[in-house]
Amino acid sequence: MTGQVSEADAQVLVSDTDVSSAEASSDSASSSGAFSDEVLSLALRTPTLPPATHTQSYALGSRELLLVEPATPYLEEQRRFVEWARALAGQGRALRGIVITHHHPDHVGGAGALARELSLPLLAHPLTLERLDLKDTAGVATQALEEGQVLELGGPTEERWQVLHTPGHAPGHLCLFEPRLRRLVVGDMVASEGTILIEPKDGHMTTYLTALERLEGLGAALALPAHGAPISEPSALFRHYIQHRLAREAKVQEAVRSLGRATTQELVKVAYDDTPRAVWGLAELSLRAHLIRLTELGLTATDGEHHWLTT
């Protein structure tokens, strides 16, 4: 998710992913603690898309630990993160670094401050590292993570977290998968609280759908999202996201066909007629991402004058 979007605007995004109430739960409910003996979490307040209000940070490993998502820009929440991390270290665990799944503000708000305070390196994809605020991260060690790397964490049972490059929501988006545990850190690929925005500046719809199909094929037993509670047997939710996006795409394509030649402002009234008029401005971001995909598939085109038409 990205920050700085009003609650009213965010409602269209909730409609566009259509996560059921059975799948969604408050991400502030489990503000600190363990989802299991092997995965610890801490929910911290961030400037994320409503209705979500927090971003989950995780501690991966049993003895050697990786912390995931230095998300919060708020000082009192940063203090909670530091206290949490130091408490883990006080139990005889060794902190090895802080992983960033992607560069959006509700995931990197405390990156520099937390890394400096804990004397830990920041680990992220190169496309994420190059988007970090250089002033914020001055003097902080960084380590690039690439597709196919394995992050080994020693302990009573060694954990081997595979690095997966999953762009589509953001260029440098990473997921982490531990095949023995069948645990999957998913960042902003899906959410159990709030929704995921795919927009043309950072996102690409076809790439996102391909990444979701890849995650579905892993057969994970538990997904750990950045927003909301853990998701059991997440393959069904990955498939749901794919199907819902394709259903919206079909509606966008029909809107182009029925209008003949139209601007995005005209198209959104038809393709998103099931969402409140007040949020159509934000809906245009998702609409544009769908139009780009349809054009790449040869199903729509633009006349070069901000109008879209069927081919």
C-alpha atoms as a PDB file:
ATOM      1  CA  MET A   1       0.000   0.000   0.000  1.00  0.00           C
ATOM      2  CA  THR A   2       0.974   3.596  -0.311  1.00  0.00           C
ATOM      3  CA  GLY A   3       0.246   6.293   2.211  1.00  0.00           C
ATOM      4  CA  GLN A   4      -1.384   9.721   2.094  1.00  0.00           C
ATOM      5  CA  VAL A   5      -4.769   8.663   0.727  1.00  0.00           C
ATOM      6  CA  SER A   6      -7.989   9.767   2.358  1.00  0.00           C
ATOM      7  CA  GLU A   7     -10.357   7.256   3.951  1.00  0.00           C
ATOM      8  CA  ALA A   8     -13.088   8.206   1.485  1.00  0.00           C
ATOM      9  CA  ASP A   9     -10.820   7.607  -1.488  1.00  0.00           C
ATOM     10  CA  ALA A  10      -9.688   4.282  -0.095  1.00  0.00           C
ATOM     11  CA  GLN A  11     -13.186   2.814  -0.183  1.00  0.00           C
ATOM     12  CA  VAL A  12     -12.980   2.277  -3.941  1.00  0.00           C
ATOM     13  CA  LEU A  13      -9.896   0.171  -3.402  1.00  0.00           C
ATOM     14  CA  VAL A  14     -11.706  -1.981  -0.872  1.00  0.00           C
ATOM     15  CA  SER A  15     -14.369  -2.583  -3.496  1.00  0.00           C
ATOM     16  CA  ASP A  16     -11.751  -3.381  -6.115  1.00  0.00           C
ATOM     17  CA  THR A  17     -10.244  -6.262  -4.155  1.00  0.00           C
ATOM     18  CA  ASP A  18     -13.445  -7.315  -2.418  1.00  0.00           C
ATOM     19  CA  VAL A  19     -11.851  -9.161   0.494  1.00  0.00           C
ATOM     20  CA  SER A  20     -14.594 -10.854   2.468  1.00  0.00           C
ATOM     21  CA  SER A  21     -15.107 -10.213   6.160  1.00  0.00           C
ATOM     22  CA  ALA A  22     -14.114 -13.802   6.835  1.00  0.00           C
ATOM     23  CA  GLU A  23     -10.737 -13.128   5.270  1.00  0.00           C
ATOM     24  CA  ALA A  24     -10.157  -9.741   6.893  1.00  0.00           C
ATOM     25  CA  SER A  25      -9.369  -8.933  10.501  1.00  0.00           C
ATOM     26  CA  SER A  26      -7.999  -5.893  12.304  1.00  0.00           C
ATOM     27  CA  ASP A  27      -4.266  -5.528  11.945  1.00  0.00           C
ATOM     28  CA  SER A  28      -4.069  -3.645  15.219  1.00  0.00           C
ATOM     29  CA  ALA A  29      -5.579  -6.531  17.175  1.00  0.00           C
ATOM     30  CA  SER A  30      -2.307  -8.445  17.300  1.00  0.00           C
ATOM     31  CA  SER A  31      -0.097  -5.464  18.042  1.00  0.00           C
ATOM     32  CA  SER A  32       2.656  -7.502  19.646  1.00  0.00           C
ATOM     33  CA  GLY A  33       3.305 -11.179  20.078  1.00  0.00           C
ATOM     34  CA  ALA A  34       3.692 -14.469  18.297  1.00  0.00           C
ATOM     35  CA  PHE A  35       1.508 -15.910  15.603  1.00  0.00           C
ATOM     36  CA  SER A  36       3.436 -19.143  16.192  1.00  0.00           C
ATOM     37  CA  ASP A  37       6.548 -20.335  18.013  1.00  0.00           C
ATOM     38  CA  GLU A  38       8.626 -19.408  14.960  1.00  0.00           C
ATOM     39  CA  VAL A  39       7.180 -16.128  13.645  1.00  0.00           C
ATOM     40  CA  LEU A  40       6.942 -13.075  15.890  1.00  0.00           C
ATOM     41  CA  SER A  41       5.081  -9.910  14.918  1.00  0.00           C
ATOM     42  CA  LEU A  42       4.587  -6.306  15.903  1.00  0.00           C
ATOM     43  CA  ALA A  43       1.892  -4.058  14.395  1.00  0.00           C
ATOM     44  CA  LEU A  44       2.878  -0.388  14.275  1.00  0.00           C
ATOM     45  CA  ARG A  45       0.828   2.632  13.252  1.00  0.00           C
ATOM     46  CA  THR A  46       1.752   3.925   9.773  1.00  0.00           C
ATOM     47  CA  PRO A  47       0.362   6.339   7.125  1.00  0.00           C
ATOM     48  CA  THR A  48      -1.221   3.517   5.154  1.00  0.00           C
ATOM     49  CA  LEU A  49      -4.439   3.200   3.169  1.00  0.00           C
ATOM     50  CA  PRO A  50      -7.611   3.108   5.276  1.00  0.00           C
ATOM     51  CA  PRO A  51      -9.272   1.040   6.587  1.00  0.00           C
ATOM     52  CA  ALA A  52      -5.860  -0.392   7.574  1.00  0.00           C
ATOM     53  CA  THR A  53      -4.043   1.693  10.166  1.00  0.00           C
ATOM     54  CA  HIS A  54      -0.939  -0.392  10.914  1.00  0.00           C
ATOM     55  CA  THR A  55       1.883  -2.216   9.158  1.00  0.00           C
ATOM     56  CA  GLN A  56       3.032  -5.561  10.513  1.00  0.00           C
ATOM     57  CA  SER A  57       6.712  -6.086  11.278  1.00  0.00           C
ATOM     58  CA  TYR A  58       7.971  -9.643  11.665  1.00  0.00           C
ATOM     59  CA  ALA A  59      10.931 -11.364  13.300  1.00  0.00           C
ATOM     60  CA  LEU A  60      11.975 -14.407  11.289  1.00  0.00           C
ATOM     61  CA  GLY A  61      14.105 -17.158  12.796  1.00  0.00           C
ATOM     62  CA  SER A  62      14.541 -18.847  16.174  1.00  0.00           C
ATOM     63  CA  ARG A  63      18.052 -17.870  17.313  1.00  0.00           C
ATOM     64  CA  GLU A  64      19.361 -15.730  14.442  1.00  0.00           C
ATOM     65  CA  LEU A  65      16.677 -13.208  13.493  1.00  0.00           C
ATOM     66  CA  LEU A  66      15.779 -11.029  10.540  1.00  0.00           C
ATOM     67  CA  LEU A  67      13.383  -8.181  11.225  1.00  0.00           C
ATOM     68  CA  VAL A  68      10.976  -7.335   8.394  1.00  0.00           C
ATOM     69  CA  GLU A  69       9.470  -3.896   7.596  1.00  0.00           C
ATOM     70  CA  PRO A  70      10.982  -0.824   9.347  1.00  0.00           C
ATOM     71  CA  ALA A  71       7.659   0.772   8.569  1.00  0.00           C
ATOM     72  CA  THR A  72       6.668   3.509  10.979  1.00  0.00           C
ATOM     73  CA  PRO A  73       7.746   7.166  10.738  1.00  0.00           C
ATOM     74  CA  TYR A  74       6.261   7.959  14.175  1.00  0.00           C
ATOM     75  CA  LEU A  75       8.749   8.350  17.040  1.00  0.00           C
ATOM     76  CA  GLU A  76       6.654   6.656  19.717  1.00  0.00           C
ATOM     77  CA  GLU A  77       6.066   3.689  17.418  1.00  0.00           C
ATOM     78  CA  GLN A  78       9.755   3.555  16.516  1.00  0.00           C
ATOM     79  CA  ARG A  79      10.511   3.313  20.227  1.00  0.00           C
ATOM     80  CA  ARG A  80       8.173   0.308  20.426  1.00  0.00           C
ATOM     81  CA  PHE A  81      10.023  -1.338  17.533  1.00  0.00           C
ATOM     82  CA  VAL A  82      13.394  -0.782  19.208  1.00  0.00           C
ATOM     83  CA  GLU A  83      12.122  -2.096  22.557  1.00  0.00           C
ATOM     84  CA  TRP A  84      10.681  -5.159  20.811  1.00  0.00           C
ATOM     85  CA  ALA A  85      13.926  -5.850  18.953  1.00  0.00           C
ATOM     86  CA  ARG A  86      16.069  -5.397  22.067  1.00  0.00           C
ATOM     87  CA  ALA A  87      13.775  -7.647  24.068  1.00  0.00           C
ATOM     88  CA  LEU A  88      14.286 -10.370  21.474  1.00  0.00           C
ATOM     89  CA  ALA A  89      18.038  -9.847  21.634  1.00  0.00           C
ATOM     90  CA  GLY A  90      17.819 -10.031  25.416  1.00  0.00           C
ATOM     91  CA  GLN A  91      16.465 -13.557  25.086  1.00  0.00           C
ATOM     92  CA  GLY A  92      19.749 -14.657  23.569  1.00  0.00           C
ATOM     93  CA  ARG A  93      18.734 -14.129  19.963  1.00  0.00           C
ATOM     94  CA  ALA A  94      21.039 -12.468  17.438  1.00  0.00           C
ATOM     95  CA  LEU A  95      19.636  -9.726  15.215  1.00  0.00           C
ATOM     96  CA  ARG A  96      21.122  -9.955  11.701  1.00  0.00           C
ATOM     97  CA  GLY A  97      19.376  -7.231   9.704  1.00  0.00           C
ATOM     98  CA  ILE A  98      16.171  -5.456   8.698  1.00  0.00           C
ATOM     99  CA  VAL A  99      14.432  -6.535   5.488  1.00  0.00           C
ATOM    100  CA  ILE A 100      12.353  -4.078   3.458  1.00  0.00           C
ATOM    101  CA  THR A 101       9.770  -5.636   1.120  1.00  0.00           C
ATOM    102  CA  HIS A 102       9.421  -2.447  -0.992  1.00  0.00           C
ATOM    103  CA  HIS A 103       9.869   1.305  -0.925  1.00  0.00           C
ATOM    104  CA  HIS A 104       6.379   2.667  -0.187  1.00  0.00           C
ATOM    105  CA  PRO A 105       6.150   5.113   2.754  1.00  0.00           C
ATOM    106  CA  ASP A 106       4.206   2.768   5.041  1.00  0.00           C
ATOM    107  CA  HIS A 107       7.058   0.236   4.762  1.00  0.00           C
ATOM    108  CA  VAL A 108      10.185   2.408   5.049  1.00  0.00           C
ATOM    109  CA  GLY A 109       9.099   5.241   7.347  1.00  0.00           C
ATOM    110  CA  GLY A 110      11.577   4.225  10.029  1.00  0.00           C
ATOM    111  CA  ALA A 111      14.247   2.581   7.885  1.00  0.00           C
ATOM    112  CA  GLY A 112      17.162   4.875   8.610  1.00  0.00           C
ATOM    113  CA  ALA A 113      16.309   5.653  12.221  1.00  0.00           C
ATOM    114  CA  LEU A 114      15.716   2.031  13.230  1.00  0.00           C
ATOM    115  CA  ALA A 115      18.762   0.685  11.397  1.00  0.00           C
ATOM    116  CA  ARG A 116      21.000   3.268  13.085  1.00  0.00           C
ATOM    117  CA  GLU A 117      19.500   2.745  16.530  1.00  0.00           C
ATOM    118  CA  LEU A 118      19.918  -1.036  16.335  1.00  0.00           C
ATOM    119  CA  SER A 119      23.189  -0.959  14.333  1.00  0.00           C
ATOM    120  CA  LEU A 120      21.705  -3.258  11.716  1.00  0.00           C
ATOM    121  CA  PRO A 121      21.975  -3.280   7.901  1.00  0.00           C
ATOM    122  CA  LEU A 122      18.985  -2.720   5.635  1.00  0.00           C
ATOM    123  CA  LEU A 123      18.320  -5.567   3.196  1.00  0.00           C
ATOM    124  CA  ALA A 124      16.228  -4.916   0.083  1.00  0.00           C
ATOM    125  CA  HIS A 125      16.083  -5.324  -3.664  1.00  0.00           C
ATOM    126  CA  PRO A 126      18.370  -2.890  -5.564  1.00  0.00           C
ATOM    127  CA  LEU A 127      15.309  -1.167  -7.054  1.00  0.00           C
ATOM    128  CA  THR A 128      14.106  -0.503  -3.518  1.00  0.00           C
ATOM    129  CA  LEU A 129      17.480   0.623  -2.195  1.00  0.00           C
ATOM    130  CA  GLU A 130      17.828   3.212  -4.959  1.00  0.00           C
ATOM    131  CA  ARG A 131      14.436   4.684  -4.015  1.00  0.00           C
ATOM    132  CA  LEU A 132      15.227   5.184  -0.334  1.00  0.00           C
ATOM    133  CA  ASP A 133      15.702   8.703   1.020  1.00  0.00           C
ATOM    134  CA  LEU A 134      19.484   9.162   1.024  1.00  0.00           C
ATOM    135  CA  LYS A 135      19.305  11.665   3.877  1.00  0.00           C
ATOM    136  CA  ASP A 136      17.263   9.248   5.972  1.00  0.00           C
ATOM    137  CA  THR A 137      19.615   6.326   5.399  1.00  0.00           C
ATOM    138  CA  ALA A 138      22.932   8.204   5.512  1.00  0.00           C
ATOM    139  CA  GLY A 139      25.573   6.125   7.259  1.00  0.00           C
ATOM    140  CA  VAL A 140      23.443   2.978   7.255  1.00  0.00           C
ATOM    141  CA  ALA A 141      24.836  -0.253   5.832  1.00  0.00           C
ATOM    142  CA  THR A 142      22.756  -1.805   3.056  1.00  0.00           C
ATOM    143  CA  GLN A 143      22.717  -5.197   1.390  1.00  0.00           C
ATOM    144  CA  ALA A 144      21.093  -5.909  -1.967  1.00  0.00           C
ATOM    145  CA  LEU A 145      18.793  -8.919  -2.167  1.00  0.00           C
ATOM    146  CA  GLU A 146      18.220 -10.582  -5.520  1.00  0.00           C
ATOM    147  CA  GLU A 147      15.915 -13.275  -6.838  1.00  0.00           C
ATOM    148  CA  GLY A 148      17.136 -16.725  -5.837  1.00  0.00           C
ATOM    149  CA  GLN A 149      19.228 -15.757  -2.826  1.00  0.00           C
ATOM    150  CA  VAL A 150      18.721 -17.749   0.372  1.00  0.00           C
ATOM    151  CA  LEU A 151      18.853 -16.092   3.794  1.00  0.00           C
ATOM    152  CA  GLU A 152      20.076 -18.708   6.266  1.00  0.00           C
ATOM    153  CA  LEU A 153      19.164 -18.255   9.913  1.00  0.00           C
ATOM    154  CA  GLY A 154      20.854 -20.519  12.442  1.00  0.00           C
ATOM    155  CA  GLY A 155      19.031 -21.906  15.431  1.00  0.00           C
ATOM    156  CA  PRO A 156      17.691 -25.108  16.958  1.00  0.00           C
ATOM    157  CA  THR A 157      16.242 -25.697  13.504  1.00  0.00           C
ATOM    158  CA  GLU A 158      17.903 -23.798  10.673  1.00  0.00           C
ATOM    159  CA  GLU A 159      15.614 -21.674   8.542  1.00  0.00           C
ATOM    160  CA  ARG A 160      16.348 -20.937   4.880  1.00  0.00           C
ATOM    161  CA  TRP A 161      14.272 -18.045   3.556  1.00  0.00           C
ATOM    162  CA  GLN A 162      14.217 -17.880  -0.238  1.00  0.00           C
ATOM    163  CA  VAL A 163      14.202 -14.399  -1.789  1.00  0.00           C
ATOM    164  CA  LEU A 164      11.482 -13.968  -4.419  1.00  0.00           C
ATOM    165  CA  HIS A 165      11.367 -10.859  -6.609  1.00  0.00           C
ATOM    166  CA  THR A 166       7.644 -10.168  -7.071  1.00  0.00           C
ATOM    167  CA  PRO A 167       7.186  -6.822  -8.852  1.00  0.00           C
ATOM    168  CA  GLY A 168       3.824  -5.513  -9.996  1.00  0.00           C
ATOM    169  CA  HIS A 169       2.797  -3.506  -6.942  1.00  0.00           C
ATOM    170  CA  ALA A 170       6.257  -1.923  -6.719  1.00  0.00           C
ATOM    171  CA  PRO A 171       9.334  -2.478  -8.915  1.00  0.00           C
ATOM    172  CA  GLY A 172      11.548  -3.899  -6.183  1.00  0.00           C
ATOM    173  CA  HIS A 173       8.914  -5.810  -4.241  1.00  0.00           C
ATOM    174  CA  LEU A 174      10.236  -8.912  -2.473  1.00  0.00           C
ATOM    175  CA  CYS A 175       8.600 -11.889  -0.807  1.00  0.00           C
ATOM    176  CA  LEU A 176      10.372 -14.419   1.415  1.00  0.00           C
ATOM    177  CA  PHE A 177       9.505 -18.140   1.460  1.00  0.00           C
ATOM    178  CA  GLU A 178      10.634 -20.818   3.901  1.00  0.00           C
ATOM    179  CA  PRO A 179       9.761 -24.144   2.199  1.00  0.00           C
ATOM    180  CA  ARG A 180      10.145 -26.364   5.266  1.00  0.00           C
ATOM    181  CA  LEU A 181       7.792 -24.201   7.322  1.00  0.00           C
ATOM    182  CA  ARG A 182       5.729 -23.328   4.231  1.00  0.00           C
ATOM    183  CA  ARG A 183       5.677 -19.739   5.503  1.00  0.00           C
ATOM    184  CA  LEU A 184       5.525 -16.844   3.065  1.00  0.00           C
ATOM    185  CA  VAL A 185       6.183 -13.176   3.834  1.00  0.00           C
ATOM    186  CA  VAL A 186       4.033 -11.410   1.215  1.00  0.00           C
ATOM    187  CA  GLY A 187       4.506  -7.680   1.870  1.00  0.00           C
ATOM    188  CA  ASP A 188       1.844  -5.911  -0.186  1.00  0.00           C
ATOM    189  CA  MET A 189       1.011  -8.693  -2.626  1.00  0.00           C
ATOM    190  CA  VAL A 190      -2.222  -9.344  -0.704  1.00  0.00           C
ATOM    191  CA  ALA A 191      -3.715  -8.090   2.539  1.00  0.00           C
ATOM    192  CA  SER A 192      -6.133  -9.392   5.142  1.00  0.00           C
ATOM    193  CA  GLU A 193      -6.885  -5.821   6.213  1.00  0.00           C
ATOM    194  CA  GLY A 194      -7.476  -3.108   3.608  1.00  0.00           C
ATOM    195  CA  THR A 195      -6.471  -3.584  -0.004  1.00  0.00           C
ATOM    196  CA  ILE A 196      -3.693  -3.419  -2.573  1.00  0.00           C
ATOM    197  CA  LEU A 197      -3.456  -0.607  -5.126  1.00  0.00           C
ATOM    198  CA  ILE A 198      -1.909  -1.252  -8.539  1.00  0.00           C
ATOM    199  CA  GLU A 199      -1.287   2.069 -10.264  1.00  0.00           C
ATOM    200  CA  PRO A 200       0.810   2.992 -13.322  1.00  0.00           C
ATOM    201  CA  LYS A 201       3.575   4.940 -11.562  1.00  0.00           C
ATOM    202  CA  ASP A 202       4.978   2.028  -9.531  1.00  0.00           C
ATOM    203  CA  GLY A 203       2.784  -0.852 -10.629  1.00  0.00           C
ATOM    204  CA  HIS A 204       2.089  -3.026 -13.644  1.00  0.00           C
ATOM    205  CA  MET A 205      -1.035  -5.157 -13.743  1.00  0.00           C
ATOM    206  CA  THR A 206       0.223  -8.072 -15.855  1.00  0.00           C
ATOM    207  CA  THR A 207       3.400  -8.323 -13.805  1.00  0.00           C
ATOM    208  CA  TYR A 208       1.353  -8.287 -10.595  1.00  0.00           C
ATOM    209  CA  LEU A 209      -0.993 -11.038 -11.804  1.00  0.00           C
ATOM    210  CA  THR A 210       1.976 -13.160 -12.889  1.00  0.00           C
ATOM    211  CA  ALA A 211       3.559 -12.736  -9.456  1.00  0.00           C
ATOM    212  CA  LEU A 212       0.309 -13.773  -7.747  1.00  0.00           C
ATOM    213  CA  GLU A 213       0.205 -16.922  -9.893  1.00  0.00           C
ATOM    214  CA  ARG A 214       3.765 -17.691  -8.836  1.00  0.00           C
ATOM    215  CA  LEU A 215       2.883 -17.292  -5.165  1.00  0.00           C
ATOM    216  CA  GLU A 216      -0.218 -19.450  -5.594  1.00  0.00           C
ATOM    217  CA  GLY A 217       1.964 -22.236  -6.949  1.00  0.00           C
ATOM    218  CA  LEU A 218       4.209 -22.330  -3.872  1.00  0.00           C
ATOM    219  CA  GLY A 219       1.598 -24.132  -1.797  1.00  0.00           C
ATOM    220  CA  ALA A 220       2.312 -22.025   1.295  1.00  0.00           C
ATOM    221  CA  ALA A 221       0.544 -22.971   4.507  1.00  0.00           C
ATOM    222  CA  LEU A 222       0.666 -19.467   5.992  1.00  0.00           C
ATOM    223  CA  ALA A 223       1.100 -16.029   4.447  1.00  0.00           C
ATOM    224  CA  LEU A 224       2.370 -13.125   6.530  1.00  0.00           C
ATOM    225  CA  PRO A 225       1.010  -9.878   5.027  1.00  0.00           C
ATOM    226  CA  ALA A 226       2.125  -6.371   5.858  1.00  0.00           C
ATOM    227  CA  HIS A 227      -1.468  -5.422   6.650  1.00  0.00           C
ATOM    228  CA  GLY A 228      -3.688  -7.629   8.750  1.00  0.00           C
ATOM    229  CA  ALA A 229      -3.535 -11.028  10.360  1.00  0.00           C
ATOM    230  CA  PRO A 230      -1.777 -14.100   8.945  1.00  0.00           C
ATOM    231  CA  ILE A 231      -3.599 -15.900   6.162  1.00  0.00           C
ATOM    232  CA  SER A 232      -3.969 -19.668   6.432  1.00  0.00           C
ATOM    233  CA  GLU A 233      -3.726 -21.669   3.188  1.00  0.00           C
ATOM    234  CA  PRO A 234      -3.249 -18.447   1.172  1.00  0.00           C
ATOM    235  CA  SER A 235      -3.332 -20.019  -2.305  1.00  0.00           C
ATOM    236  CA  ALA A 236      -7.104 -19.558  -2.357  1.00  0.00           C
ATOM    237  CA  LEU A 237      -6.722 -15.845  -1.613  1.00  0.00           C
ATOM    238  CA  PHE A 238      -4.085 -15.427  -4.341  1.00  0.00           C
ATOM    239  CA  ARG A 239      -6.516 -17.024  -6.801  1.00  0.00           C
ATOM    240  CA  HIS A 240      -9.333 -14.795  -5.536  1.00  0.00           C
ATOM    241  CA  TYR A 241      -7.245 -11.678  -6.158  1.00  0.00           C
ATOM    242  CA  ILE A 242      -6.441 -12.842  -9.694  1.00  0.00           C
ATOM    243  CA  GLN A 243     -10.057 -13.629 -10.519  1.00  0.00           C
ATOM    244  CA  HIS A 244     -11.331 -10.363  -9.113  1.00  0.00           C
ATOM    245  CA  ARG A 245      -8.794  -8.294 -11.045  1.00  0.00           C
ATOM    246  CA  LEU A 246      -9.689 -10.114 -14.255  1.00  0.00           C
ATOM    247  CA  ALA A 247     -13.402  -9.539 -13.609  1.00  0.00           C
ATOM    248  CA  ARG A 248     -12.715  -5.813 -13.236  1.00  0.00           C
ATOM    249  CA  GLU A 249     -10.607  -5.913 -16.390  1.00  0.00           C
ATOM    250  CA  ALA A 250     -13.526  -7.417 -18.303  1.00  0.00           C
ATOM    251  CA  LYS A 251     -15.708  -4.591 -17.068  1.00  0.00           C
ATOM    252  CA  VAL A 252     -13.126  -2.025 -18.187  1.00  0.00           C
ATOM    253  CA  GLN A 253     -12.938  -3.648 -21.625  1.00  0.00           C
ATOM    254  CA  GLU A 254     -16.735  -3.603 -21.947  1.00  0.00           C
ATOM    255  CA  ALA A 255     -16.795   0.064 -20.939  1.00  0.00           C
ATOM    256  CA  VAL A 256     -14.334   0.897 -23.747  1.00  0.00           C
ATOM    257  CA  ARG A 257     -16.407  -1.118 -26.241  1.00  0.00           C
ATOM    258  CA  SER A 258     -19.723   0.442 -25.238  1.00  0.00           C
ATOM    259  CA  LEU A 259     -18.482   4.047 -25.213  1.00  0.00           C
ATOM    260  CA  GLY A 260     -16.512   3.713 -28.430  1.00  0.00           C
ATOM    261  CA  ARG A 261     -14.047   6.531 -27.722  1.00  0.00           C
ATOM    262  CA  ALA A 262     -13.698   7.839 -24.189  1.00  0.00           C
ATOM    263  CA  THR A 263     -11.440   9.464 -21.642  1.00  0.00           C
ATOM    264  CA  THR A 264     -10.549   7.749 -18.390  1.00  0.00           C
ATOM    265  CA  GLN A 265     -12.914  10.141 -16.618  1.00  0.00           C
ATOM    266  CA  GLU A 266     -15.740   8.860 -18.808  1.00  0.00           C
ATOM    267  CA  LEU A 267     -14.695   5.236 -18.547  1.00  0.00           C
ATOM    268  CA  VAL A 268     -14.494   5.189 -14.765  1.00  0.00           C
ATOM    269  CA  LYS A 269     -18.195   6.085 -14.533  1.00  0.00           C
ATOM    270  CA  VAL A 270     -19.043   2.850 -16.337  1.00  0.00           C
ATOM    271  CA  ALA A 271     -16.271   0.474 -15.258  1.00  0.00           C
ATOM    272  CA  TYR A 272     -16.573   1.486 -11.589  1.00  0.00           C
ATOM    273  CA  ASP A 273     -20.301   2.157 -11.421  1.00  0.00           C
ATOM    274  CA  ASP A 274     -20.443  -0.155  -8.400  1.00  0.00           C
ATOM    275  CA  THR A 275     -18.287   2.250  -6.356  1.00  0.00           C
ATOM    276  CA  PRO A 276     -19.188   5.646  -4.834  1.00  0.00           C
ATOM    277  CA  ARG A 277     -18.920   8.602  -7.208  1.00  0.00           C
ATOM    278  CA  ALA A 278     -16.814  10.445  -4.632  1.00  0.00           C
ATOM    279  CA  VAL A 279     -13.896   8.050  -5.140  1.00  0.00           C
ATOM    280  CA  TRP A 280     -13.844   7.805  -8.927  1.00  0.00           C
ATOM    281  CA  GLY A 281     -10.769  10.036  -8.999  1.00  0.00           C
ATOM    282  CA  LEU A 282      -8.753   7.396  -7.185  1.00  0.00           C
ATOM    283  CA  ALA A 283     -10.396   4.605  -9.160  1.00  0.00           C
ATOM    284  CA  GLU A 284      -8.827   6.105 -12.282  1.00  0.00           C
ATOM    285  CA  LEU A 285      -5.397   4.912 -11.091  1.00  0.00           C
ATOM    286  CA  SER A 286      -6.514   1.295 -11.114  1.00  0.00           C
ATOM    287  CA  LEU A 287      -8.444   1.884 -14.350  1.00  0.00           C
ATOM    288  CA  ARG A 288      -5.321   3.186 -16.086  1.00  0.00           C
ATOM    289  CA  ALA A 289      -3.379   0.113 -14.981  1.00  0.00           C
ATOM    290  CA  HIS A 290      -6.072  -2.092 -16.530  1.00  0.00           C
ATOM    291  CA  LEU A 291      -6.099  -0.036 -19.745  1.00  0.00           C
ATOM    292  CA  ILE A 292      -2.339  -0.379 -20.096  1.00  0.00           C
ATOM    293  CA  ARG A 293      -2.657  -4.151 -19.742  1.00  0.00           C
ATOM    294  CA  LEU A 294      -5.506  -4.296 -22.292  1.00  0.00           C
ATOM    295  CA  THR A 295      -3.437  -2.244 -24.726  1.00  0.00           C
ATOM    296  CA  GLU A 296      -0.477  -4.573 -24.271  1.00  0.00           C
ATOM    297  CA  LEU A 297      -2.833  -7.446 -25.092  1.00  0.00           C
ATOM    298  CA  GLY A 298      -3.969  -5.642 -28.257  1.00  0.00           C
ATOM    299  CA  LEU A 299      -7.542  -5.235 -27.006  1.00  0.00           C
ATOM    300  CA  THR A 300      -7.614  -1.446 -26.576  1.00  0.00           C
ATOM    301  CA  ALA A 301      -5.674   1.512 -27.908  1.00  0.00           C
ATOM    302  CA  THR A 302      -5.275   5.218 -27.331  1.00  0.00           C
ATOM    303  CA  ASP A 303      -5.640   7.860 -30.027  1.00  0.00           C
ATOM    304  CA  GLY A 304      -2.830   9.947 -28.567  1.00  0.00           C
ATOM    305  CA  GLU A 305      -5.301  12.583 -27.391  1.00  0.00           C
ATOM    306  CA  HIS A 306      -6.194  11.055 -24.019  1.00  0.00           C
ATOM    307  CA  HIS A 307      -9.007   8.957 -25.475  1.00  0.00           C
ATOM    308  CA  TRP A 308      -9.261   5.145 -25.371  1.00  0.00           C
ATOM    309  CA  LEU A 309     -10.978   2.970 -27.944  1.00  0.00           C
ATOM    310  CA  THR A 310     -11.384  -0.693 -28.757  1.00  0.00           C
ATOM    311  CA  THR A 311      -9.259  -2.295 -31.476  1.00  0.00           C
END
